[in-house]
C-alpha atoms as a PDB file:
ATOM      1  CA  MET A   1      -6.633  11.182   9.218  1.00  0.00           C
ATOM      2  CA  LEU A   2      -4.616  12.978  12.245  1.00  0.00           C
ATOM      3  CA  PRO A   3      -1.234  10.894  13.514  1.00  0.00           C
ATOM      4  CA  LEU A   4      -1.808   8.062  16.325  1.00  0.00           C
ATOM      5  CA  SER A   5       0.873   7.167  19.264  1.00  0.00           C
ATOM      6  CA  GLU A   6       1.270   3.796  19.325  1.00  0.00           C
ATOM      7  CA  LYS A   7      -0.551   4.066  22.769  1.00  0.00           C
ATOM      8  CA  ALA A   8      -3.360   5.926  21.133  1.00  0.00           C
ATOM      9  CA  LEU A   9      -3.519   3.816  18.422  1.00  0.00           C
ATOM     10  CA  ARG A  10      -3.599   0.702  20.939  1.00  0.00           C
ATOM     11  CA  ALA A  11      -6.364   2.245  22.974  1.00  0.00           C
ATOM     12  CA  SER A  12      -8.418   2.737  19.778  1.00  0.00           C
ATOM     13  CA  PHE A  13      -9.823  -1.171  19.955  1.00  0.00           C
ATOM     14  CA  VAL A  14     -13.267  -1.638  20.778  1.00  0.00           C
ATOM     15  CA  ASN A  15     -13.839  -5.411  19.589  1.00  0.00           C
ATOM     16  CA  ALA A  16     -10.096  -6.780  21.030  1.00  0.00           C
ATOM     17  CA  SER A  17      -9.416  -8.041  24.424  1.00  0.00           C
ATOM     18  CA  ARG A  18      -6.789  -6.887  26.439  1.00  0.00           C
ATOM     19  CA  LYS A  19      -4.657  -9.400  25.750  1.00  0.00           C
ATOM     20  CA  GLU A  20      -5.619  -9.091  22.011  1.00  0.00           C
ATOM     21  CA  VAL A  21      -4.427  -5.990  22.191  1.00  0.00           C
ATOM     22  CA  SER A  22      -1.099  -6.400  23.971  1.00  0.00           C
ATOM     23  CA  ASP A  23      -0.259  -8.620  21.802  1.00  0.00           C
ATOM     24  CA  LEU A  24      -0.677  -6.329  18.373  1.00  0.00           C
ATOM     25  CA  THR A  25       2.489  -5.814  16.072  1.00  0.00           C
ATOM     26  CA  PRO A  26       1.999  -1.960  15.156  1.00  0.00           C
ATOM     27  CA  PRO A  27       2.234  -1.358  12.018  1.00  0.00           C
ATOM     28  CA  PRO A  28       6.107  -0.549  10.187  1.00  0.00           C
ATOM     29  CA  GLY A  29       7.210   3.004  10.275  1.00  0.00           C
ATOM     30  CA  LEU A  30       4.482   4.291  12.429  1.00  0.00           C
ATOM     31  CA  ASP A  31       6.034   7.672  13.117  1.00  0.00           C
ATOM     32  CA  LEU A  32       6.924   7.906   9.915  1.00  0.00           C
ATOM     33  CA  LEU A  33       3.640   7.392   7.932  1.00  0.00           C
ATOM     34  CA  ASP A  34       1.914   9.860   5.463  1.00  0.00           C
ATOM     35  CA  TRP A  35      -0.985  10.575   7.577  1.00  0.00           C
ATOM     36  CA  ALA A  36      -2.614  13.260   4.748  1.00  0.00           C
ATOM     37  CA  ASP A  37      -2.633  10.247   2.583  1.00  0.00           C
ATOM     38  CA  LEU A  38      -4.689   7.822   4.771  1.00  0.00           C
ATOM     39  CA  ASP A  39      -7.981   7.773   5.159  1.00  0.00           C
ATOM     40  CA  PHE A  40      -7.573   5.012   7.925  1.00  0.00           C
ATOM     41  CA  LEU A  41      -4.508   2.855   8.954  1.00  0.00           C
ATOM     42  CA  GLY A  42      -4.823  -0.553   8.271  1.00  0.00           C
ATOM     43  CA  TRP A  43      -2.494  -3.083   8.445  1.00  0.00           C
ATOM     44  CA  ARG A  44      -1.726  -6.998   8.817  1.00  0.00           C
ATOM     45  CA  ASP A  45       0.160  -8.445  11.741  1.00  0.00           C
ATOM     46  CA  PRO A  46       3.833  -9.870  10.289  1.00  0.00           C
ATOM     47  CA  LYS A  47       2.936 -12.304  13.496  1.00  0.00           C
ATOM     48  CA  MET A  48       0.196 -13.932  12.882  1.00  0.00           C
ATOM     49  CA  GLY A  49      -0.968 -14.522   9.524  1.00  0.00           C
ATOM     50  CA  ARG A  50      -5.227 -14.292   9.530  1.00  0.00           C
ATOM     51  CA  ARG A  51      -5.047 -11.200  11.846  1.00  0.00           C
ATOM     52  CA  ALA A  52      -5.029  -7.459  10.426  1.00  0.00           C
ATOM     53  CA  TYR A  53      -6.268  -4.256  12.081  1.00  0.00           C
ATOM     54  CA  ALA A  54      -7.389  -0.883  11.062  1.00  0.00           C
ATOM     55  CA  VAL A  55      -7.928   2.343  13.055  1.00  0.00           C
ATOM     56  CA  VAL A  56     -10.825   4.688  11.593  1.00  0.00           C
ATOM     57  CA  PRO A  57     -10.979   7.964  12.389  1.00  0.00           C
ATOM     58  CA  THR A  58     -14.662   9.230  13.198  1.00  0.00           C
ATOM     59  CA  VAL A  59     -16.478  12.313  12.490  1.00  0.00           C
ATOM     60  CA  ASP A  60     -16.088  13.475  16.004  1.00  0.00           C
ATOM     61  CA  GLY A  61     -12.739  13.013  15.813  1.00  0.00           C
ATOM     62  CA  GLU A  62     -12.661  10.054  18.074  1.00  0.00           C
ATOM     63  CA  SER A  63     -10.202   6.820  16.505  1.00  0.00           C
ATOM     64  CA  VAL A  64     -12.088   3.166  16.474  1.00  0.00           C
ATOM     65  CA  GLY A  65      -9.896   0.300  15.858  1.00  0.00           C
ATOM     66  CA  ILE A  66     -10.910  -2.788  14.940  1.00  0.00           C
ATOM     67  CA  LEU A  67      -9.322  -6.161  15.212  1.00  0.00           C
ATOM     68  CA  PHE A  68      -9.822  -8.508  11.652  1.00  0.00           C
ATOM     69  CA  ARG A  69      -9.828 -11.769  11.094  1.00  0.00           C
ATOM     70  CA  ARG A  70      -8.837 -13.391   7.764  1.00  0.00           C
ATOM     71  CA  ALA A  71     -11.390 -15.549   5.958  1.00  0.00           C
ATOM     72  CA  ASP A  72      -9.182 -19.064   5.203  1.00  0.00           C
ATOM     73  CA  ALA A  73     -10.961 -19.482   1.599  1.00  0.00           C
ATOM     74  CA  MET A  74     -10.047 -16.934  -1.376  1.00  0.00           C
ATOM     75  CA  PRO A  75     -12.875 -16.047  -3.369  1.00  0.00           C
ATOM     76  CA  ARG A  76     -13.146 -18.151  -6.852  1.00  0.00           C
ATOM     77  CA  SER A  77     -13.258 -14.826  -8.819  1.00  0.00           C
ATOM     78  CA  ARG A  78     -11.711 -11.472  -8.748  1.00  0.00           C
ATOM     79  CA  PRO A  79     -13.748  -9.418  -6.008  1.00  0.00           C
ATOM     80  CA  GLN A  80     -14.302  -6.020  -6.004  1.00  0.00           C
ATOM     81  CA  CYS A  81     -12.987  -4.221  -2.720  1.00  0.00           C
ATOM     82  CA  SER A  82     -16.236  -3.175  -0.399  1.00  0.00           C
ATOM     83  CA  TRP A  83     -14.736   0.039   1.090  1.00  0.00           C
ATOM     84  CA  CYS A  84     -12.751   1.605  -1.963  1.00  0.00           C
ATOM     85  CA  GLN A  85     -14.408  -0.079  -4.849  1.00  0.00           C
ATOM     86  CA  ASP A  86     -11.891   0.141  -7.226  1.00  0.00           C
ATOM     87  CA  VAL A  87     -12.688  -1.701 -10.603  1.00  0.00           C
ATOM     88  CA  ARG A  88      -9.060  -1.697 -11.542  1.00  0.00           C
ATOM     89  CA  LEU A  89      -7.507  -3.188  -8.662  1.00  0.00           C
ATOM     90  CA  PRO A  90      -3.797  -3.357  -8.220  1.00  0.00           C
ATOM     91  CA  ASN A  91      -4.075  -5.810  -5.568  1.00  0.00           C
ATOM     92  CA  ASP A  92      -6.016  -8.621  -4.360  1.00  0.00           C
ATOM     93  CA  VAL A  93      -9.187  -8.253  -1.721  1.00  0.00           C
ATOM     94  CA  VAL A  94     -10.274 -10.631   0.640  1.00  0.00           C
ATOM     95  CA  PHE A  95     -12.927 -11.436   3.240  1.00  0.00           C
ATOM     96  CA  TYR A  96     -12.180  -9.789   6.585  1.00  0.00           C
ATOM     97  CA  SER A  97     -14.580 -10.610   9.783  1.00  0.00           C
ATOM     98  CA  ALA A  98     -14.574  -8.751  12.792  1.00  0.00           C
ATOM     99  CA  LYS A  99     -16.412  -9.171  15.727  1.00  0.00           C
ATOM    100  CA  ARG A 100     -18.947  -7.037  17.382  1.00  0.00           C
ATOM    101  CA  SER A 101     -18.153  -4.711  20.053  1.00  0.00           C
ATOM    102  CA  GLY A 102     -19.776  -5.352  23.533  1.00  0.00           C
ATOM    103  CA  GLN A 103     -22.186  -7.788  24.403  1.00  0.00           C
ATOM    104  CA  ALA A 104     -22.853  -8.876  20.480  1.00  0.00           C
ATOM    105  CA  GLY A 105     -18.996  -9.673  20.200  1.00  0.00           C
ATOM    106  CA  ARG A 106     -19.207 -11.730  23.718  1.00  0.00           C
ATOM    107  CA  ASN A 107     -22.511 -13.107  22.046  1.00  0.00           C
ATOM    108  CA  GLY A 108     -20.411 -14.619  18.794  1.00  0.00           C
ATOM    109  CA  ASP A 109     -21.722 -11.700  16.303  1.00  0.00           C
ATOM    110  CA  THR A 110     -19.606 -10.455  13.775  1.00  0.00           C
ATOM    111  CA  ILE A 111     -19.597  -8.474  10.678  1.00  0.00           C
ATOM    112  CA  GLY A 112     -18.010  -8.791   7.496  1.00  0.00           C
ATOM    113  CA  SER A 113     -16.635  -7.077   4.411  1.00  0.00           C
ATOM    114  CA  LEU A 114     -14.235  -8.004   1.214  1.00  0.00           C
ATOM    115  CA  VAL A 115     -11.630  -5.156   1.641  1.00  0.00           C
ATOM    116  CA  CYS A 116      -8.085  -4.965  -0.236  1.00  0.00           C
ATOM    117  CA  GLU A 117      -6.064  -7.320   1.481  1.00  0.00           C
ATOM    118  CA  ASP A 118      -2.840  -5.108   2.368  1.00  0.00           C
ATOM    119  CA  PHE A 119      -5.256  -1.991   3.687  1.00  0.00           C
ATOM    120  CA  GLN A 120      -4.141  -0.342   0.128  1.00  0.00           C
ATOM    121  CA  CYS A 121      -7.983   1.603  -0.260  1.00  0.00           C
ATOM    122  CA  SER A 122      -6.562   4.682   0.310  1.00  0.00           C
ATOM    123  CA  ARG A 123      -4.042   4.700  -2.248  1.00  0.00           C
ATOM    124  CA  ASN A 124      -6.520   3.405  -4.842  1.00  0.00           C
ATOM    125  CA  ALA A 125      -8.841   5.892  -4.181  1.00  0.00           C
ATOM    126  CA  ARG A 126      -6.217   8.649  -4.800  1.00  0.00           C
ATOM    127  CA  THR A 127      -5.427   6.739  -8.464  1.00  0.00           C
ATOM    128  CA  ALA A 128      -7.192   9.484 -11.123  1.00  0.00           C
ATOM    129  CA  PRO A 129     -10.115   7.204 -12.636  1.00  0.00           C
ATOM    130  CA  PRO A 130      -9.407   7.146 -16.408  1.00  0.00           C
ATOM    131  CA  PRO A 131     -11.005  10.110 -18.200  1.00  0.00           C
ATOM    132  CA  ALA A 132     -15.137   8.036 -19.036  1.00  0.00           C
ATOM    133  CA  TYR A 133     -15.690  10.906 -21.664  1.00  0.00           C
ATOM    134  CA  GLU A 134     -14.194  14.041 -23.364  1.00  0.00           C
ATOM    135  CA  GLY A 135     -14.660  16.946 -20.839  1.00  0.00           C
ATOM    136  CA  PHE A 136     -14.382  14.468 -17.540  1.00  0.00           C
ATOM    137  CA  ASP A 137     -13.430  16.042 -14.773  1.00  0.00           C
ATOM    138  CA  VAL A 138     -10.935  13.537 -13.359  1.00  0.00           C
ATOM    139  CA  GLU A 139      -9.892  15.505 -10.311  1.00  0.00           C
ATOM    140  CA  ALA A 140     -13.470  15.691  -9.210  1.00  0.00           C
ATOM    141  CA  ALA A 141     -14.080  12.069  -9.414  1.00  0.00           C
ATOM    142  CA  ARG A 142     -10.986  11.438  -7.610  1.00  0.00           C
ATOM    143  CA  LEU A 143     -12.203  13.751  -4.902  1.00  0.00           C
ATOM    144  CA  ARG A 144     -15.549  12.214  -4.881  1.00  0.00           C
ATOM    145  CA  ARG A 145     -13.745   8.284  -4.743  1.00  0.00           C
ATOM    146  CA  ILE A 146     -11.692   9.489  -1.744  1.00  0.00           C
ATOM    147  CA  GLY A 147     -15.151  11.033   0.066  1.00  0.00           C
ATOM    148  CA  ASP A 148     -16.758   7.828  -0.433  1.00  0.00           C
ATOM    149  CA  LEU A 149     -14.235   5.621   0.897  1.00  0.00           C
ATOM    150  CA  ARG A 150     -14.221   7.704   4.269  1.00  0.00           C
ATOM    151  CA  LEU A 151     -18.147   7.210   4.707  1.00  0.00           C
ATOM    152  CA  ARG A 152     -18.288   3.554   3.497  1.00  0.00           C
ATOM    153  CA  VAL A 153     -15.006   2.873   6.181  1.00  0.00           C
ATOM    154  CA  GLU A 154     -17.038   4.488   8.929  1.00  0.00           C
ATOM    155  CA  ALA A 155     -19.847   3.130   7.992  1.00  0.00           C
ATOM    156  CA  PHE A 156     -18.758  -0.094   8.798  1.00  0.00           C
ATOM    157  CA  ALA A 157     -16.926   1.066  11.630  1.00  0.00           C
ATOM    158  CA  SER A 158     -20.165   2.108  13.066  1.00  0.00           C
ATOM    159  CA  GLY A 159     -21.538  -1.028  12.808  1.00  0.00           C
ATOM    160  CA  LEU A 160     -19.554  -2.505  15.619  1.00  0.00           C
END
């Protein structure tokens, strides 16, 4: 992912009002992030407990910012993250919804997904999977997981 300034980050949001964008709390240490290890930038707003954000790079080089709302209820069983699909998750997964952009969002249309609570998907995808069998190419599997994560996150962003 290419580095973003706070101004570019705020300008990327497609499903948030100007008020919501102005109230946005940028992620801590934005200037210190290791952008090369991020497939998207996601964070929870420390001032507003149920609000979260993600900025997703697209194939055409644009960034799509998404404002999320966290569901009040927690799933009863241990769900799998729809983005990283890590079966050995070291973190909680929650349901986040996002209103669609444009007229659909103004009409109340939303989309949602089960996602790692603190958006740890990039880190989870980069963790080497256990060898499934003798001769299993762990590095190829890790690279495939990273590529698949990018595809799923971009597909979600394109659905806005």
